[in-house]
Amino acid sequence: MKKVLTIIVTLLATTSLLSACGNSKQKNSKEVDSQMVDKATKETLKTFGENFLNYDSVDERNKSVKDLMTEKAQKENGINVKVHADFQAKGQIKQIYRDIDNKNQYLIFADYQVQLQNTNVILRVTMKNNKVDKLTVDYTRQAY
């Protein structure tokens, strides 16, 4: 009788542990899925960031990012306005993050050099239909 009782308790304990592990894996998978960025969006963000940060003139930059932006974003950011500002900029994307709560918002962190001034830049991007629908550019400097 003790052997039967021990086997039953062992089976119940094992089943409970396996069930708990399965639930944990499912939860973690859901969390990972919510963080995943589809390949097309990732490529659009990388191309947009690289084009926005690297140019020989502002007009050249605007032309290179125009097709990656919605008409609304083009208008809000003056992409179609000729400015004839011929200075060079170079940048390098360091990281791209996705907002936890709003799955369409991203942050692109980059090093940026414009007119021989080094700075850091954060491009706050909202995507819509695989295009940039909103752009905010934040320039940052390290205090020390």
C-alpha atoms as a PDB file:
ATOM      1  CA  MET A   1       0.000   0.000   0.000  1.00  0.00           C
ATOM      2  CA  LYS A   2       2.880   2.383   0.823  1.00  0.00           C
ATOM      3  CA  LYS A   3       4.443   1.707  -2.596  1.00  0.00           C
ATOM      4  CA  VAL A   4       1.187   2.450  -4.400  1.00  0.00           C
ATOM      5  CA  LEU A   5       0.672   5.638  -2.391  1.00  0.00           C
ATOM      6  CA  THR A   6       4.286   6.736  -3.060  1.00  0.00           C
ATOM      7  CA  ILE A   7       3.893   6.096  -6.808  1.00  0.00           C
ATOM      8  CA  ILE A   8       0.633   8.085  -6.923  1.00  0.00           C
ATOM      9  CA  VAL A   9       2.156  11.025  -5.025  1.00  0.00           C
ATOM     10  CA  THR A  10       5.223  10.958  -7.285  1.00  0.00           C
ATOM     11  CA  LEU A  11       3.051  10.924 -10.427  1.00  0.00           C
ATOM     12  CA  LEU A  12       0.926  13.813  -9.161  1.00  0.00           C
ATOM     13  CA  ALA A  13       3.980  15.856  -8.216  1.00  0.00           C
ATOM     14  CA  THR A  14       5.630  15.192 -11.581  1.00  0.00           C
ATOM     15  CA  THR A  15       2.458  16.101 -13.461  1.00  0.00           C
ATOM     16  CA  SER A  16       2.129  19.354 -11.482  1.00  0.00           C
ATOM     17  CA  LEU A  17       5.751  20.284 -12.141  1.00  0.00           C
ATOM     18  CA  LEU A  18       5.482  19.527 -15.858  1.00  0.00           C
ATOM     19  CA  SER A  19       2.270  21.508 -16.089  1.00  0.00           C
ATOM     20  CA  ALA A  20       3.868  24.504 -14.326  1.00  0.00           C
ATOM     21  CA  CYS A  21       6.895  24.343 -16.616  1.00  0.00           C
ATOM     22  CA  GLY A  22       4.631  24.223 -19.665  1.00  0.00           C
ATOM     23  CA  ASN A  23       2.728  27.314 -18.506  1.00  0.00           C
ATOM     24  CA  SER A  24       5.981  29.153 -17.870  1.00  0.00           C
ATOM     25  CA  LYS A  25       7.226  28.351 -21.364  1.00  0.00           C
ATOM     26  CA  GLN A  26       3.962  29.511 -22.901  1.00  0.00           C
ATOM     27  CA  LYS A  27       4.086  32.790 -21.005  1.00  0.00           C
ATOM     28  CA  ASN A  28       7.708  33.389 -21.983  1.00  0.00           C
ATOM     29  CA  SER A  29       6.897  32.654 -25.628  1.00  0.00           C
ATOM     30  CA  LYS A  30       4.101  35.206 -25.559  1.00  0.00           C
ATOM     31  CA  GLU A  31       6.428  37.780 -24.034  1.00  0.00           C
ATOM     32  CA  VAL A  32       9.073  37.106 -26.670  1.00  0.00           C
ATOM     33  CA  ASP A  33       6.484  37.267 -29.469  1.00  0.00           C
ATOM     34  CA  SER A  34       5.287  40.666 -28.265  1.00  0.00           C
ATOM     35  CA  GLN A  35       8.869  41.932 -28.422  1.00  0.00           C
ATOM     36  CA  MET A  36       9.619  40.539 -31.883  1.00  0.00           C
ATOM     37  CA  VAL A  37       9.905  42.916 -34.807  1.00  0.00           C
ATOM     38  CA  ASP A  38       8.957  41.570 -38.195  1.00  0.00           C
ATOM     39  CA  LYS A  39      11.751  41.469 -40.753  1.00  0.00           C
ATOM     40  CA  ALA A  40      10.246  44.107 -43.080  1.00  0.00           C
ATOM     41  CA  THR A  41       9.813  46.641 -40.254  1.00  0.00           C
ATOM     42  CA  LYS A  42      13.328  45.978 -38.980  1.00  0.00           C
ATOM     43  CA  GLU A  43      14.796  46.564 -42.443  1.00  0.00           C
ATOM     44  CA  THR A  44      12.728  49.723 -42.930  1.00  0.00           C
ATOM     45  CA  LEU A  45      13.912  51.100 -39.577  1.00  0.00           C
ATOM     46  CA  LYS A  46      17.556  50.302 -40.327  1.00  0.00           C
ATOM     47  CA  THR A  47      17.415  51.789 -43.828  1.00  0.00           C
ATOM     48  CA  PHE A  48      15.547  54.857 -42.607  1.00  0.00           C
ATOM     49  CA  GLY A  49      18.019  55.412 -39.754  1.00  0.00           C
ATOM     50  CA  GLU A  50      21.088  54.973 -41.944  1.00  0.00           C
ATOM     51  CA  ASN A  51      19.712  57.290 -44.638  1.00  0.00           C
ATOM     52  CA  PHE A  52      18.569  59.900 -42.132  1.00  0.00           C
ATOM     53  CA  LEU A  53      21.954  59.990 -40.401  1.00  0.00           C
ATOM     54  CA  ASN A  54      24.313  59.829 -43.398  1.00  0.00           C
ATOM     55  CA  TYR A  55      24.148  62.470 -46.125  1.00  0.00           C
ATOM     56  CA  ASP A  56      26.040  65.169 -48.035  1.00  0.00           C
ATOM     57  CA  SER A  57      23.121  67.625 -48.045  1.00  0.00           C
ATOM     58  CA  VAL A  58      19.779  67.912 -46.286  1.00  0.00           C
ATOM     59  CA  ASP A  59      17.978  67.729 -49.634  1.00  0.00           C
ATOM     60  CA  GLU A  60      19.819  64.468 -50.401  1.00  0.00           C
ATOM     61  CA  ARG A  61      18.819  63.086 -46.999  1.00  0.00           C
ATOM     62  CA  ASN A  62      15.190  64.069 -47.490  1.00  0.00           C
ATOM     63  CA  LYS A  63      15.092  62.434 -50.905  1.00  0.00           C
ATOM     64  CA  SER A  64      16.591  59.212 -49.520  1.00  0.00           C
ATOM     65  CA  VAL A  65      14.014  58.859 -46.716  1.00  0.00           C
ATOM     66  CA  LYS A  66      10.928  60.156 -48.544  1.00  0.00           C
ATOM     67  CA  ASP A  67       9.727  56.766 -49.821  1.00  0.00           C
ATOM     68  CA  LEU A  68      10.096  55.292 -46.328  1.00  0.00           C
ATOM     69  CA  MET A  69       7.670  57.823 -44.841  1.00  0.00           C
ATOM     70  CA  THR A  70       3.912  58.351 -45.044  1.00  0.00           C
ATOM     71  CA  GLU A  71       2.661  61.559 -46.655  1.00  0.00           C
ATOM     72  CA  LYS A  72       1.686  62.789 -43.190  1.00  0.00           C
ATOM     73  CA  ALA A  73       5.236  62.312 -41.866  1.00  0.00           C
ATOM     74  CA  GLN A  74       6.732  63.922 -44.984  1.00  0.00           C
ATOM     75  CA  LYS A  75       4.571  66.979 -44.472  1.00  0.00           C
ATOM     76  CA  GLU A  76       5.172  67.235 -40.698  1.00  0.00           C
ATOM     77  CA  ASN A  77       8.952  66.989 -41.180  1.00  0.00           C
ATOM     78  CA  GLY A  78       9.297  69.225 -44.248  1.00  0.00           C
ATOM     79  CA  ILE A  79      10.721  66.404 -46.349  1.00  0.00           C
ATOM     80  CA  ASN A  80       9.414  67.890 -49.622  1.00  0.00           C
ATOM     81  CA  VAL A  81      10.793  71.390 -48.944  1.00  0.00           C
ATOM     82  CA  LYS A  82      14.075  72.250 -50.671  1.00  0.00           C
ATOM     83  CA  VAL A  83      16.467  73.799 -48.152  1.00  0.00           C
ATOM     84  CA  HIS A  84      19.781  73.855 -50.057  1.00  0.00           C
ATOM     85  CA  ALA A  85      21.744  73.135 -46.885  1.00  0.00           C
ATOM     86  CA  ASP A  86      24.926  71.541 -48.162  1.00  0.00           C
ATOM     87  CA  PHE A  87      26.693  70.108 -45.161  1.00  0.00           C
ATOM     88  CA  GLN A  88      27.721  66.588 -44.451  1.00  0.00           C
ATOM     89  CA  ALA A  89      26.625  64.305 -41.643  1.00  0.00           C
ATOM     90  CA  LYS A  90      27.696  60.824 -40.625  1.00  0.00           C
ATOM     91  CA  GLY A  91      25.973  58.548 -38.191  1.00  0.00           C
ATOM     92  CA  GLN A  92      25.976  55.011 -36.953  1.00  0.00           C
ATOM     93  CA  ILE A  93      22.998  53.173 -35.483  1.00  0.00           C
ATOM     94  CA  LYS A  94      23.827  51.630 -32.128  1.00  0.00           C
ATOM     95  CA  GLN A  95      20.519  50.100 -31.078  1.00  0.00           C
ATOM     96  CA  ILE A  96      16.867  49.894 -32.042  1.00  0.00           C
ATOM     97  CA  TYR A  97      14.219  49.314 -29.385  1.00  0.00           C
ATOM     98  CA  ARG A  98      10.499  48.653 -29.595  1.00  0.00           C
ATOM     99  CA  ASP A  99       8.062  50.250 -27.159  1.00  0.00           C
ATOM    100  CA  ILE A 100       6.538  47.703 -24.781  1.00  0.00           C
ATOM    101  CA  ASP A 101       3.077  49.276 -24.670  1.00  0.00           C
ATOM    102  CA  ASN A 102       2.774  50.688 -28.190  1.00  0.00           C
ATOM    103  CA  LYS A 103       3.968  48.082 -30.668  1.00  0.00           C
ATOM    104  CA  ASN A 104       4.209  50.668 -33.473  1.00  0.00           C
ATOM    105  CA  GLN A 105       6.741  52.916 -31.701  1.00  0.00           C
ATOM    106  CA  TYR A 106      10.497  52.482 -31.877  1.00  0.00           C
ATOM    107  CA  LEU A 107      13.619  54.243 -30.631  1.00  0.00           C
ATOM    108  CA  ILE A 108      16.721  54.334 -32.804  1.00  0.00           C
ATOM    109  CA  PHE A 109      19.847  55.239 -30.819  1.00  0.00           C
ATOM    110  CA  ALA A 110      22.815  56.470 -32.843  1.00  0.00           C
ATOM    111  CA  ASP A 111      26.123  58.278 -32.764  1.00  0.00           C
ATOM    112  CA  TYR A 112      25.989  61.320 -35.018  1.00  0.00           C
ATOM    113  CA  GLN A 113      28.509  63.790 -36.401  1.00  0.00           C
ATOM    114  CA  VAL A 114      27.299  66.911 -38.160  1.00  0.00           C
ATOM    115  CA  GLN A 115      29.481  69.910 -39.034  1.00  0.00           C
ATOM    116  CA  LEU A 116      32.343  68.267 -37.100  1.00  0.00           C
ATOM    117  CA  GLN A 117      30.284  68.168 -33.892  1.00  0.00           C
ATOM    118  CA  ASN A 118      29.859  64.759 -32.272  1.00  0.00           C
ATOM    119  CA  THR A 119      26.594  64.059 -30.527  1.00  0.00           C
ATOM    120  CA  ASN A 120      24.130  61.293 -29.857  1.00  0.00           C
ATOM    121  CA  VAL A 121      20.721  61.181 -31.423  1.00  0.00           C
ATOM    122  CA  ILE A 122      17.516  59.325 -30.659  1.00  0.00           C
ATOM    123  CA  LEU A 123      15.040  58.952 -33.484  1.00  0.00           C
ATOM    124  CA  ARG A 124      11.557  58.347 -32.036  1.00  0.00           C
ATOM    125  CA  VAL A 125       9.635  56.626 -34.812  1.00  0.00           C
ATOM    126  CA  THR A 126       6.008  55.564 -35.102  1.00  0.00           C
ATOM    127  CA  MET A 127       5.351  53.089 -37.900  1.00  0.00           C
ATOM    128  CA  LYS A 128       2.187  52.667 -39.948  1.00  0.00           C
ATOM    129  CA  ASN A 129       1.849  50.184 -42.821  1.00  0.00           C
ATOM    130  CA  ASN A 130       5.614  49.593 -42.739  1.00  0.00           C
ATOM    131  CA  LYS A 131       6.381  53.311 -43.180  1.00  0.00           C
ATOM    132  CA  VAL A 132       7.483  56.026 -40.786  1.00  0.00           C
ATOM    133  CA  ASP A 133       4.302  57.856 -39.796  1.00  0.00           C
ATOM    134  CA  LYS A 134       5.782  60.094 -37.114  1.00  0.00           C
ATOM    135  CA  LEU A 135       9.347  61.177 -36.397  1.00  0.00           C
ATOM    136  CA  THR A 136      10.804  63.054 -33.476  1.00  0.00           C
ATOM    137  CA  VAL A 137      14.543  63.710 -33.356  1.00  0.00           C
ATOM    138  CA  ASP A 138      16.168  64.161 -29.943  1.00  0.00           C
ATOM    139  CA  TYR A 139      19.794  65.285 -29.727  1.00  0.00           C
ATOM    140  CA  THR A 140      21.643  64.363 -26.556  1.00  0.00           C
ATOM    141  CA  ARG A 141      25.022  65.124 -25.089  1.00  0.00           C
ATOM    142  CA  GLN A 142      26.930  63.328 -22.417  1.00  0.00           C
ATOM    143  CA  ALA A 143      27.334  65.508 -19.355  1.00  0.00           C
ATOM    144  CA  TYR A 144      30.820  64.210 -18.509  1.00  0.00           C
END
